[in-house]
């Protein structure tokens, strides 16, 4: 079985300061790492927390400033 890598777009530039967005996933640690790397790429400081939203498990990203 071959695995495909899915390229994900993280909406850091469209997220206001102290705003947040949720990414539903089962690969929590991988999404957390790539999401925070994407924030740093844009010069944005963000944080990530594991959690649930509307019954789905995933990662909630928050733009610190």
PDB file of N, CA and C in Angstrom:
ATOM      1  N   UNK A   1       0.839  -1.168   0.000  1.00  0.00           N
ATOM      2  CA  UNK A   1       0.000   0.000   0.000  1.00  0.00           C
ATOM      3  C   UNK A   1       0.893   1.244   0.000  1.00  0.00           C
ATOM      4  N   UNK A   2       0.653   2.135  -0.898  1.00  0.00           N
ATOM      5  CA  UNK A   2       1.439   3.361  -0.961  1.00  0.00           C
ATOM      6  C   UNK A   2       0.676   4.486  -0.285  1.00  0.00           C
ATOM      7  N   UNK A   3       1.423   5.350   0.358  1.00  0.00           N
ATOM      8  CA  UNK A   3       0.769   6.482   1.019  1.00  0.00           C
ATOM      9  C   UNK A   3       1.018   7.748   0.219  1.00  0.00           C
ATOM     10  N   UNK A   4       0.008   8.581   0.177  1.00  0.00           N
ATOM     11  CA  UNK A   4       0.122   9.859  -0.518  1.00  0.00           C
ATOM     12  C   UNK A   4       0.226  10.959   0.514  1.00  0.00           C
ATOM     13  N   UNK A   5       1.025  11.942   0.210  1.00  0.00           N
ATOM     14  CA  UNK A   5       1.140  13.097   1.096  1.00  0.00           C
ATOM     15  C   UNK A   5       0.160  14.143   0.604  1.00  0.00           C
ATOM     16  N   UNK A   6      -0.687  14.614   1.483  1.00  0.00           N
ATOM     17  CA  UNK A   6      -1.668  15.632   1.141  1.00  0.00           C
ATOM     18  C   UNK A   6      -1.113  16.982   1.548  1.00  0.00           C
ATOM     19  N   UNK A   7      -1.060  17.905   0.602  1.00  0.00           N
ATOM     20  CA  UNK A   7      -0.577  19.245   0.901  1.00  0.00           C
ATOM     21  C   UNK A   7      -1.739  20.053   1.466  1.00  0.00           C
ATOM     22  N   UNK A   8      -1.503  20.637   2.638  1.00  0.00           N
ATOM     23  CA  UNK A   8      -2.560  21.359   3.318  1.00  0.00           C
ATOM     24  C   UNK A   8      -2.235  22.848   3.343  1.00  0.00           C
ATOM     25  N   UNK A   9      -3.260  23.657   3.170  1.00  0.00           N
ATOM     26  CA  UNK A   9      -3.119  25.106   3.258  1.00  0.00           C
ATOM     27  C   UNK A   9      -3.588  25.552   4.634  1.00  0.00           C
ATOM     28  N   UNK A  10      -2.710  26.240   5.342  1.00  0.00           N
ATOM     29  CA  UNK A  10      -3.061  26.777   6.656  1.00  0.00           C
ATOM     30  C   UNK A  10      -3.352  28.269   6.486  1.00  0.00           C
ATOM     31  N   UNK A  11      -4.523  28.745   6.874  1.00  0.00           N
ATOM     32  CA  UNK A  11      -4.920  30.132   6.612  1.00  0.00           C
ATOM     33  C   UNK A  11      -4.353  31.152   7.609  1.00  0.00           C
ATOM     34  N   UNK A  12      -3.041  31.105   7.833  1.00  0.00           N
ATOM     35  CA  UNK A  12      -2.438  32.027   8.788  1.00  0.00           C
ATOM     36  C   UNK A  12      -2.589  33.480   8.372  1.00  0.00           C
ATOM     37  N   UNK A  13      -2.420  33.773   7.100  1.00  0.00           N
ATOM     38  CA  UNK A  13      -2.474  35.161   6.652  1.00  0.00           C
ATOM     39  C   UNK A  13      -3.881  35.741   6.738  1.00  0.00           C
ATOM     40  N   UNK A  14      -4.901  34.900   6.678  1.00  0.00           N
ATOM     41  CA  UNK A  14      -6.292  35.357   6.761  1.00  0.00           C
ATOM     42  C   UNK A  14      -6.833  35.361   8.198  1.00  0.00           C
ATOM     43  N   UNK A  15      -6.026  34.897   9.141  1.00  0.00           N
ATOM     44  CA  UNK A  15      -6.458  34.818  10.531  1.00  0.00           C
ATOM     45  C   UNK A  15      -6.029  36.080  11.274  1.00  0.00           C
ATOM     46  N   UNK A  16      -6.971  36.797  11.887  1.00  0.00           N
ATOM     47  CA  UNK A  16      -6.595  38.025  12.618  1.00  0.00           C
ATOM     48  C   UNK A  16      -5.835  37.684  13.904  1.00  0.00           C
ATOM     49  N   UNK A  17      -5.195  38.684  14.481  1.00  0.00           N
ATOM     50  CA  UNK A  17      -4.500  38.492  15.760  1.00  0.00           C
ATOM     51  C   UNK A  17      -5.490  37.984  16.800  1.00  0.00           C
ATOM     52  N   UNK A  18      -5.090  37.004  17.553  1.00  0.00           N
ATOM     53  CA  UNK A  18      -5.902  36.321  18.567  1.00  0.00           C
ATOM     54  C   UNK A  18      -7.066  35.541  17.960  1.00  0.00           C
ATOM     55  N   UNK A  19      -7.052  35.362  16.647  1.00  0.00           N
ATOM     56  CA  UNK A  19      -8.047  34.526  15.975  1.00  0.00           C
ATOM     57  C   UNK A  19      -7.580  33.085  15.942  1.00  0.00           C
ATOM     58  N   UNK A  20      -8.466  32.185  15.565  1.00  0.00           N
ATOM     59  CA  UNK A  20      -8.136  30.762  15.564  1.00  0.00           C
ATOM     60  C   UNK A  20      -8.819  30.048  14.412  1.00  0.00           C
ATOM     61  N   UNK A  21      -8.278  28.878  14.071  1.00  0.00           N
ATOM     62  CA  UNK A  21      -8.912  27.990  13.104  1.00  0.00           C
ATOM     63  C   UNK A  21      -8.646  26.553  13.526  1.00  0.00           C
ATOM     64  N   UNK A  22      -9.502  25.648  13.086  1.00  0.00           N
ATOM     65  CA  UNK A  22      -9.450  24.240  13.488  1.00  0.00           C
ATOM     66  C   UNK A  22      -9.184  23.368  12.275  1.00  0.00           C
ATOM     67  N   UNK A  23      -8.289  22.386  12.437  1.00  0.00           N
ATOM     68  CA  UNK A  23      -7.978  21.441  11.365  1.00  0.00           C
ATOM     69  C   UNK A  23      -8.323  20.044  11.874  1.00  0.00           C
ATOM     70  N   UNK A  24      -9.386  19.417  11.343  1.00  0.00           N
ATOM     71  CA  UNK A  24      -9.719  18.059  11.770  1.00  0.00           C
ATOM     72  C   UNK A  24      -8.728  17.060  11.174  1.00  0.00           C
ATOM     73  N   UNK A  25      -8.230  16.153  12.008  1.00  0.00           N
ATOM     74  CA  UNK A  25      -7.245  15.175  11.544  1.00  0.00           C
ATOM     75  C   UNK A  25      -7.104  14.044  12.547  1.00  0.00           C
ATOM     76  N   UNK A  26      -6.544  12.945  12.091  1.00  0.00           N
ATOM     77  CA  UNK A  26      -6.178  11.854  12.988  1.00  0.00           C
ATOM     78  C   UNK A  26      -4.681  11.858  13.255  1.00  0.00           C
ATOM     79  N   UNK A  27      -3.920  12.542  12.413  1.00  0.00           N
ATOM     80  CA  UNK A  27      -2.470  12.654  12.577  1.00  0.00           C
ATOM     81  C   UNK A  27      -2.162  13.958  13.323  1.00  0.00           C
ATOM     82  N   UNK A  28      -2.457  13.965  14.591  1.00  0.00           N
ATOM     83  CA  UNK A  28      -2.387  15.187  15.388  1.00  0.00           C
ATOM     84  C   UNK A  28      -0.993  15.804  15.421  1.00  0.00           C
ATOM     85  N   UNK A  29       0.010  15.022  15.741  1.00  0.00           N
ATOM     86  CA  UNK A  29       1.359  15.567  15.890  1.00  0.00           C
ATOM     87  C   UNK A  29       1.898  16.084  14.556  1.00  0.00           C
ATOM     88  N   UNK A  30       1.653  15.365  13.458  1.00  0.00           N
ATOM     89  CA  UNK A  30       2.133  15.806  12.140  1.00  0.00           C
ATOM     90  C   UNK A  30       1.500  17.127  11.722  1.00  0.00           C
ATOM     91  N   UNK A  31       0.202  17.262  11.932  1.00  0.00           N
ATOM     92  CA  UNK A  31      -0.500  18.493  11.562  1.00  0.00           C
ATOM     93  C   UNK A  31      -0.053  19.652  12.447  1.00  0.00           C
ATOM     94  N   UNK A  32       0.169  19.384  13.726  1.00  0.00           N
ATOM     95  CA  UNK A  32       0.635  20.426  14.637  1.00  0.00           C
ATOM     96  C   UNK A  32       1.996  20.960  14.177  1.00  0.00           C
ATOM     97  N   UNK A  33       2.910  20.066  13.860  1.00  0.00           N
ATOM     98  CA  UNK A  33       4.255  20.470  13.442  1.00  0.00           C
ATOM     99  C   UNK A  33       4.235  21.241  12.128  1.00  0.00           C
ATOM    100  N   UNK A  34       3.509  20.745  11.135  1.00  0.00           N
ATOM    101  CA  UNK A  34       3.493  21.429   9.842  1.00  0.00           C
ATOM    102  C   UNK A  34       2.756  22.760   9.923  1.00  0.00           C
ATOM    103  N   UNK A  35       1.728  22.832  10.754  1.00  0.00           N
ATOM    104  CA  UNK A  35       0.991  24.082  10.918  1.00  0.00           C
ATOM    105  C   UNK A  35       1.833  25.167  11.567  1.00  0.00           C
ATOM    106  N   UNK A  36       2.601  24.794  12.587  1.00  0.00           N
ATOM    107  CA  UNK A  36       3.453  25.774  13.248  1.00  0.00           C
ATOM    108  C   UNK A  36       4.636  26.173  12.367  1.00  0.00           C
ATOM    109  N   UNK A  37       5.139  25.245  11.560  1.00  0.00           N
ATOM    110  CA  UNK A  37       6.196  25.582  10.602  1.00  0.00           C
ATOM    111  C   UNK A  37       5.681  26.553   9.553  1.00  0.00           C
ATOM    112  N   UNK A  38       4.438  26.370   9.129  1.00  0.00           N
ATOM    113  CA  UNK A  38       3.838  27.281   8.149  1.00  0.00           C
ATOM    114  C   UNK A  38       3.691  28.675   8.748  1.00  0.00           C
ATOM    115  N   UNK A  39       3.348  28.760  10.025  1.00  0.00           N
ATOM    116  CA  UNK A  39       3.222  30.060  10.686  1.00  0.00           C
ATOM    117  C   UNK A  39       4.575  30.765  10.725  1.00  0.00           C
ATOM    118  N   UNK A  40       5.615  30.043  11.080  1.00  0.00           N
ATOM    119  CA  UNK A  40       6.939  30.642  11.133  1.00  0.00           C
ATOM    120  C   UNK A  40       7.413  31.086   9.747  1.00  0.00           C
ATOM    121  N   UNK A  41       7.032  30.338   8.739  1.00  0.00           N
ATOM    122  CA  UNK A  41       7.386  30.700   7.362  1.00  0.00           C
ATOM    123  C   UNK A  41       6.837  32.083   7.000  1.00  0.00           C
ATOM    124  N   UNK A  42       5.669  32.411   7.510  1.00  0.00           N
ATOM    125  CA  UNK A  42       5.034  33.708   7.248  1.00  0.00           C
ATOM    126  C   UNK A  42       5.403  34.756   8.297  1.00  0.00           C
ATOM    127  N   UNK A  43       6.242  34.400   9.261  1.00  0.00           N
ATOM    128  CA  UNK A  43       6.635  35.335  10.306  1.00  0.00           C
ATOM    129  C   UNK A  43       5.563  35.563  11.346  1.00  0.00           C
ATOM    130  N   UNK A  44       4.741  34.561  11.560  1.00  0.00           N
ATOM    131  CA  UNK A  44       3.616  34.655  12.492  1.00  0.00           C
ATOM    132  C   UNK A  44       3.895  33.767  13.693  1.00  0.00           C
ATOM    133  N   UNK A  45       3.572  34.258  14.872  1.00  0.00           N
ATOM    134  CA  UNK A  45       3.696  33.457  16.087  1.00  0.00           C
ATOM    135  C   UNK A  45       2.340  32.828  16.363  1.00  0.00           C
ATOM    136  N   UNK A  46       2.330  31.516  16.454  1.00  0.00           N
ATOM    137  CA  UNK A  46       1.077  30.807  16.701  1.00  0.00           C
ATOM    138  C   UNK A  46       1.258  29.732  17.749  1.00  0.00           C
ATOM    139  N   UNK A  47       0.146  29.207  18.214  1.00  0.00           N
ATOM    140  CA  UNK A  47       0.181  28.078  19.135  1.00  0.00           C
ATOM    141  C   UNK A  47      -0.840  27.048  18.675  1.00  0.00           C
ATOM    142  N   UNK A  48      -0.642  25.814  19.118  1.00  0.00           N
ATOM    143  CA  UNK A  48      -1.517  24.724  18.692  1.00  0.00           C
ATOM    144  C   UNK A  48      -1.930  23.890  19.895  1.00  0.00           C
ATOM    145  N   UNK A  49      -3.195  23.457  19.875  1.00  0.00           N
ATOM    146  CA  UNK A  49      -3.733  22.623  20.947  1.00  0.00           C
ATOM    147  C   UNK A  49      -4.548  21.495  20.324  1.00  0.00           C
ATOM    148  N   UNK A  50      -4.423  20.309  20.898  1.00  0.00           N
ATOM    149  CA  UNK A  50      -5.246  19.187  20.471  1.00  0.00           C
ATOM    150  C   UNK A  50      -6.615  19.319  21.124  1.00  0.00           C
ATOM    151  N   UNK A  51      -7.661  18.925  20.393  1.00  0.00           N
ATOM    152  CA  UNK A  51      -8.989  18.995  20.967  1.00  0.00           C
ATOM    153  C   UNK A  51     -10.051  18.499  20.018  1.00  0.00           C
ATOM    154  N   UNK A  52     -11.304  18.733  20.369  1.00  0.00           N
ATOM    155  CA  UNK A  52     -12.431  18.341  19.529  1.00  0.00           C
ATOM    156  C   UNK A  52     -13.277  19.575  19.221  1.00  0.00           C
ATOM    157  N   UNK A  53     -13.924  19.532  18.054  1.00  0.00           N
ATOM    158  CA  UNK A  53     -14.807  20.606  17.632  1.00  0.00           C
ATOM    159  C   UNK A  53     -15.916  19.978  16.810  1.00  0.00           C
ATOM    160  N   UNK A  54     -17.151  20.166  17.228  1.00  0.00           N
ATOM    161  CA  UNK A  54     -18.328  19.586  16.570  1.00  0.00           C
ATOM    162  C   UNK A  54     -18.174  18.075  16.382  1.00  0.00           C
ATOM    163  N   UNK A  55     -17.629  17.403  17.397  1.00  0.00           N
ATOM    164  CA  UNK A  55     -17.501  15.959  17.374  1.00  0.00           C
ATOM    165  C   UNK A  55     -16.317  15.427  16.578  1.00  0.00           C
ATOM    166  N   UNK A  56     -15.441  16.293  16.092  1.00  0.00           N
ATOM    167  CA  UNK A  56     -14.274  15.863  15.314  1.00  0.00           C
ATOM    168  C   UNK A  56     -13.010  16.163  16.098  1.00  0.00           C
ATOM    169  N   UNK A  57     -12.057  15.233  16.048  1.00  0.00           N
ATOM    170  CA  UNK A  57     -10.784  15.430  16.724  1.00  0.00           C
ATOM    171  C   UNK A  57      -9.830  16.139  15.772  1.00  0.00           C
ATOM    172  N   UNK A  58      -8.990  16.996  16.335  1.00  0.00           N
ATOM    173  CA  UNK A  58      -8.053  17.716  15.483  1.00  0.00           C
ATOM    174  C   UNK A  58      -7.191  18.671  16.269  1.00  0.00           C
ATOM    175  N   UNK A  59      -6.683  19.685  15.547  1.00  0.00           N
ATOM    176  CA  UNK A  59      -5.764  20.666  16.125  1.00  0.00           C
ATOM    177  C   UNK A  59      -6.353  22.053  15.957  1.00  0.00           C
ATOM    178  N   UNK A  60      -6.389  22.809  17.049  1.00  0.00           N
ATOM    179  CA  UNK A  60      -6.854  24.205  17.010  1.00  0.00           C
ATOM    180  C   UNK A  60      -5.622  25.097  17.034  1.00  0.00           C
ATOM    181  N   UNK A  61      -5.469  25.895  15.982  1.00  0.00           N
ATOM    182  CA  UNK A  61      -4.358  26.826  15.875  1.00  0.00           C
ATOM    183  C   UNK A  61      -4.843  28.219  16.252  1.00  0.00           C
ATOM    184  N   UNK A  62      -4.047  28.929  17.025  1.00  0.00           N
ATOM    185  CA  UNK A  62      -4.373  30.294  17.447  1.00  0.00           C
ATOM    186  C   UNK A  62      -3.217  31.207  17.072  1.00  0.00           C
ATOM    187  N   UNK A  63      -3.553  32.342  16.478  1.00  0.00           N
ATOM    188  CA  UNK A  63      -2.533  33.330  16.143  1.00  0.00           C
ATOM    189  C   UNK A  63      -2.330  34.218  17.367  1.00  0.00           C
ATOM    190  N   UNK A  64      -1.113  34.196  17.913  1.00  0.00           N
ATOM    191  CA  UNK A  64      -0.819  34.924  19.146  1.00  0.00           C
ATOM    192  C   UNK A  64      -0.782  36.420  18.881  1.00  0.00           C
ATOM    193  N   UNK A  65      -0.061  36.841  17.858  1.00  0.00           N
ATOM    194  CA  UNK A  65      -0.014  38.250  17.473  1.00  0.00           C
ATOM    195  C   UNK A  65       0.349  38.400  16.034  1.00  0.00           C
TER     196      UNK A  65
END
